[in-house]
Amino acid sequence: MMTNVSESFNGVLKRVRGLPIQALVSTIFYHYIALFLKTCEGALKWESDVVFRFAPEVLTMLGNREAATRNLCWLVQLNHTEFSYYDDKNIAHRVLLTDDGCSCSCHSMVLYHVPCAHMIVSLASRCVLHE
């Protein structure tokens, strides 16, 4: 990741190498302010869109997870809030649904803050939207 950051910074410096130090610093400053404002405008556009609650990348990830739910083999409901899933490789995943939140043995929700395929199927079986 540091290589990408340094390459990006070098790309900014290529255009302003011949300038004095004060002009160099102000050019870099205003360049990054412009990038920040561009990102903020994109975020505000996504927030103002009533149809989607998530950024496009997250919507793509959720679509991929929903497609992955079709490959889950079978569901075993252990009790009202606890489910167990077995995939085609016979790997078990345990999902716990509570009023406070959801948890899965694959820890996708903790790591990525996006529900995994097991959690989506569990919520669908209880007629709850994952969004």
C-alpha atoms as a PDB file:
ATOM      1  CA  MET A   1       0.000   0.000   0.000  1.00  0.00           C
ATOM      2  CA  MET A   2       2.883   2.367   0.706  1.00  0.00           C
ATOM      3  CA  THR A   3       4.066   1.927  -2.881  1.00  0.00           C
ATOM      4  CA  ASN A   4       0.698   3.131  -4.198  1.00  0.00           C
ATOM      5  CA  VAL A   5       0.762   6.155  -1.889  1.00  0.00           C
ATOM      6  CA  SER A   6       4.313   7.080  -2.854  1.00  0.00           C
ATOM      7  CA  GLU A   7       3.559   6.644  -6.568  1.00  0.00           C
ATOM      8  CA  SER A   8       0.507   8.866  -6.220  1.00  0.00           C
ATOM      9  CA  PHE A   9       2.549  11.492  -4.416  1.00  0.00           C
ATOM     10  CA  ASN A  10       5.285  11.276  -7.080  1.00  0.00           C
ATOM     11  CA  GLY A  11       2.628  11.825  -9.738  1.00  0.00           C
ATOM     12  CA  VAL A  12       1.680  15.104  -8.072  1.00  0.00           C
ATOM     13  CA  LEU A  13       5.310  16.154  -7.715  1.00  0.00           C
ATOM     14  CA  LYS A  14       6.125  15.562 -11.406  1.00  0.00           C
ATOM     15  CA  ARG A  15       4.077  18.569 -12.449  1.00  0.00           C
ATOM     16  CA  VAL A  16       5.508  21.019  -9.907  1.00  0.00           C
ATOM     17  CA  ARG A  17       9.224  20.120  -9.635  1.00  0.00           C
ATOM     18  CA  GLY A  18      10.491  23.414 -11.013  1.00  0.00           C
ATOM     19  CA  LEU A  19       8.478  25.612  -8.629  1.00  0.00           C
ATOM     20  CA  PRO A  20       9.825  27.286  -5.480  1.00  0.00           C
ATOM     21  CA  ILE A  21       9.156  25.531  -2.156  1.00  0.00           C
ATOM     22  CA  GLN A  22       6.228  27.745  -1.140  1.00  0.00           C
ATOM     23  CA  ALA A  23       4.493  27.258  -4.501  1.00  0.00           C
ATOM     24  CA  LEU A  24       5.264  23.531  -4.355  1.00  0.00           C
ATOM     25  CA  VAL A  25       3.645  23.139  -0.927  1.00  0.00           C
ATOM     26  CA  SER A  26       0.586  25.220  -1.846  1.00  0.00           C
ATOM     27  CA  THR A  27       0.095  23.295  -5.113  1.00  0.00           C
ATOM     28  CA  ILE A  28       0.228  19.954  -3.291  1.00  0.00           C
ATOM     29  CA  PHE A  29      -2.131  21.280  -0.607  1.00  0.00           C
ATOM     30  CA  TYR A  30      -4.756  22.507  -3.076  1.00  0.00           C
ATOM     31  CA  HIS A  31      -4.453  19.354  -5.162  1.00  0.00           C
ATOM     32  CA  TYR A  32      -5.311  17.166  -2.175  1.00  0.00           C
ATOM     33  CA  ILE A  33      -8.104  19.504  -1.067  1.00  0.00           C
ATOM     34  CA  ALA A  34      -9.622  19.141  -4.557  1.00  0.00           C
ATOM     35  CA  LEU A  35      -9.405  15.335  -4.292  1.00  0.00           C
ATOM     36  CA  PHE A  36     -11.045  15.452  -0.850  1.00  0.00           C
ATOM     37  CA  LEU A  37     -13.897  17.647  -2.127  1.00  0.00           C
ATOM     38  CA  LYS A  38     -14.426  15.333  -5.101  1.00  0.00           C
ATOM     39  CA  THR A  39     -14.722  12.355  -2.748  1.00  0.00           C
ATOM     40  CA  CYS A  40     -17.122  14.246  -0.466  1.00  0.00           C
ATOM     41  CA  GLU A  41     -19.338  15.182  -3.421  1.00  0.00           C
ATOM     42  CA  GLY A  42     -19.525  11.522  -4.427  1.00  0.00           C
ATOM     43  CA  ALA A  43     -20.447  10.507  -0.885  1.00  0.00           C
ATOM     44  CA  LEU A  44     -23.147  13.183  -0.671  1.00  0.00           C
ATOM     45  CA  LYS A  45     -24.544  12.006  -4.004  1.00  0.00           C
ATOM     46  CA  TRP A  46     -24.761   8.424  -2.685  1.00  0.00           C
ATOM     47  CA  GLU A  47     -26.411   9.604   0.555  1.00  0.00           C
ATOM     48  CA  SER A  48     -28.998  11.692  -1.284  1.00  0.00           C
ATOM     49  CA  ASP A  49     -29.973   8.767  -3.510  1.00  0.00           C
ATOM     50  CA  VAL A  50     -33.137   7.400  -1.908  1.00  0.00           C
ATOM     51  CA  VAL A  51     -33.107   4.048  -3.693  1.00  0.00           C
ATOM     52  CA  PHE A  52     -29.725   2.770  -2.450  1.00  0.00           C
ATOM     53  CA  ARG A  53     -28.499   2.950   1.125  1.00  0.00           C
ATOM     54  CA  PHE A  54     -24.954   1.856   0.297  1.00  0.00           C
ATOM     55  CA  ALA A  55     -22.084   2.910  -1.930  1.00  0.00           C
ATOM     56  CA  PRO A  56     -21.906   1.148  -5.327  1.00  0.00           C
ATOM     57  CA  GLU A  57     -18.956  -1.035  -4.253  1.00  0.00           C
ATOM     58  CA  VAL A  58     -20.893  -2.294  -1.225  1.00  0.00           C
ATOM     59  CA  LEU A  59     -23.969  -2.963  -3.385  1.00  0.00           C
ATOM     60  CA  THR A  60     -21.798  -5.040  -5.727  1.00  0.00           C
ATOM     61  CA  MET A  61     -20.396  -6.980  -2.760  1.00  0.00           C
ATOM     62  CA  LEU A  62     -23.910  -7.611  -1.402  1.00  0.00           C
ATOM     63  CA  GLY A  63     -25.019  -8.827  -4.835  1.00  0.00           C
ATOM     64  CA  ASN A  64     -22.103 -11.265  -4.921  1.00  0.00           C
ATOM     65  CA  ARG A  65     -22.969 -12.501  -1.435  1.00  0.00           C
ATOM     66  CA  GLU A  66     -26.614 -12.985  -2.425  1.00  0.00           C
ATOM     67  CA  ALA A  67     -25.471 -15.007  -5.447  1.00  0.00           C
ATOM     68  CA  ALA A  68     -23.293 -17.119  -3.131  1.00  0.00           C
ATOM     69  CA  THR A  69     -26.349 -17.990  -1.018  1.00  0.00           C
ATOM     70  CA  ARG A  70     -27.647 -20.095  -3.886  1.00  0.00           C
ATOM     71  CA  ASN A  71     -24.675 -22.459  -3.444  1.00  0.00           C
ATOM     72  CA  LEU A  72     -25.396 -23.262   0.214  1.00  0.00           C
ATOM     73  CA  CYS A  73     -26.558 -26.845   0.536  1.00  0.00           C
ATOM     74  CA  TRP A  74     -28.744 -27.107   3.611  1.00  0.00           C
ATOM     75  CA  LEU A  75     -29.878 -25.238   6.670  1.00  0.00           C
ATOM     76  CA  VAL A  76     -30.441 -26.656  10.127  1.00  0.00           C
ATOM     77  CA  GLN A  77     -32.356 -24.435  12.541  1.00  0.00           C
ATOM     78  CA  LEU A  78     -31.061 -25.250  16.009  1.00  0.00           C
ATOM     79  CA  ASN A  79     -33.488 -22.947  17.833  1.00  0.00           C
ATOM     80  CA  HIS A  80     -35.354 -19.698  17.147  1.00  0.00           C
ATOM     81  CA  THR A  81     -32.183 -17.587  16.914  1.00  0.00           C
ATOM     82  CA  GLU A  82     -29.477 -20.107  16.020  1.00  0.00           C
ATOM     83  CA  PHE A  83     -28.840 -21.675  12.613  1.00  0.00           C
ATOM     84  CA  SER A  84     -26.239 -24.043  11.241  1.00  0.00           C
ATOM     85  CA  TYR A  85     -25.274 -24.248   7.547  1.00  0.00           C
ATOM     86  CA  TYR A  86     -23.446 -26.947   5.652  1.00  0.00           C
ATOM     87  CA  ASP A  87     -22.006 -26.191   2.236  1.00  0.00           C
ATOM     88  CA  ASP A  88     -21.113 -28.619  -0.554  1.00  0.00           C
ATOM     89  CA  LYS A  89     -17.706 -29.286   1.067  1.00  0.00           C
ATOM     90  CA  ASN A  90     -19.511 -30.258   4.302  1.00  0.00           C
ATOM     91  CA  ILE A  91     -18.134 -27.261   6.197  1.00  0.00           C
ATOM     92  CA  ALA A  92     -20.442 -26.063   8.970  1.00  0.00           C
ATOM     93  CA  HIS A  93     -21.102 -22.403   9.744  1.00  0.00           C
ATOM     94  CA  ARG A  94     -23.098 -21.308  12.773  1.00  0.00           C
ATOM     95  CA  VAL A  95     -25.192 -18.115  12.695  1.00  0.00           C
ATOM     96  CA  LEU A  96     -26.659 -16.464  15.778  1.00  0.00           C
ATOM     97  CA  LEU A  97     -29.417 -13.884  15.259  1.00  0.00           C
ATOM     98  CA  THR A  98     -30.338 -11.692  18.220  1.00  0.00           C
ATOM     99  CA  ASP A  99     -32.164  -8.398  18.680  1.00  0.00           C
ATOM    100  CA  ASP A 100     -28.807  -6.654  19.203  1.00  0.00           C
ATOM    101  CA  GLY A 101     -27.205  -7.992  16.025  1.00  0.00           C
ATOM    102  CA  CYS A 102     -25.985 -11.007  14.108  1.00  0.00           C
ATOM    103  CA  SER A 103     -22.858 -13.109  14.314  1.00  0.00           C
ATOM    104  CA  CYS A 104     -21.459 -15.909  12.188  1.00  0.00           C
ATOM    105  CA  SER A 105     -18.643 -18.391  12.697  1.00  0.00           C
ATOM    106  CA  CYS A 106     -16.912 -17.077   9.542  1.00  0.00           C
ATOM    107  CA  HIS A 107     -16.623 -13.611  11.223  1.00  0.00           C
ATOM    108  CA  SER A 108     -17.342 -11.773   7.961  1.00  0.00           C
ATOM    109  CA  MET A 109     -19.610  -9.248   9.695  1.00  0.00           C
ATOM    110  CA  VAL A 110     -16.880  -8.390  12.203  1.00  0.00           C
ATOM    111  CA  LEU A 111     -14.111  -8.165   9.604  1.00  0.00           C
ATOM    112  CA  TYR A 112     -15.870  -6.464   6.691  1.00  0.00           C
ATOM    113  CA  HIS A 113     -19.053  -5.023   8.273  1.00  0.00           C
ATOM    114  CA  VAL A 114     -21.021  -6.713   5.478  1.00  0.00           C
ATOM    115  CA  PRO A 115     -23.238  -9.766   6.070  1.00  0.00           C
ATOM    116  CA  CYS A 116     -21.960 -13.096   4.776  1.00  0.00           C
ATOM    117  CA  ALA A 117     -23.990 -15.520   2.660  1.00  0.00           C
ATOM    118  CA  HIS A 118     -24.877 -17.590   5.743  1.00  0.00           C
ATOM    119  CA  MET A 119     -26.274 -14.552   7.518  1.00  0.00           C
ATOM    120  CA  ILE A 120     -28.301 -13.488   4.464  1.00  0.00           C
ATOM    121  CA  VAL A 121     -29.953 -16.929   4.248  1.00  0.00           C
ATOM    122  CA  SER A 122     -30.642 -16.913   8.000  1.00  0.00           C
ATOM    123  CA  LEU A 123     -32.287 -13.512   7.819  1.00  0.00           C
ATOM    124  CA  ALA A 124     -34.273 -14.544   4.739  1.00  0.00           C
ATOM    125  CA  SER A 125     -35.572 -17.633   6.530  1.00  0.00           C
ATOM    126  CA  ARG A 126     -36.910 -15.339   9.263  1.00  0.00           C
ATOM    127  CA  CYS A 127     -38.313 -12.912   6.620  1.00  0.00           C
ATOM    128  CA  VAL A 128     -35.935 -10.076   7.592  1.00  0.00           C
ATOM    129  CA  LEU A 129     -34.150  -7.878   5.033  1.00  0.00           C
ATOM    130  CA  HIS A 130     -30.349  -7.853   5.347  1.00  0.00           C
ATOM    131  CA  GLU A 131     -30.171  -4.205   4.239  1.00  0.00           C
END
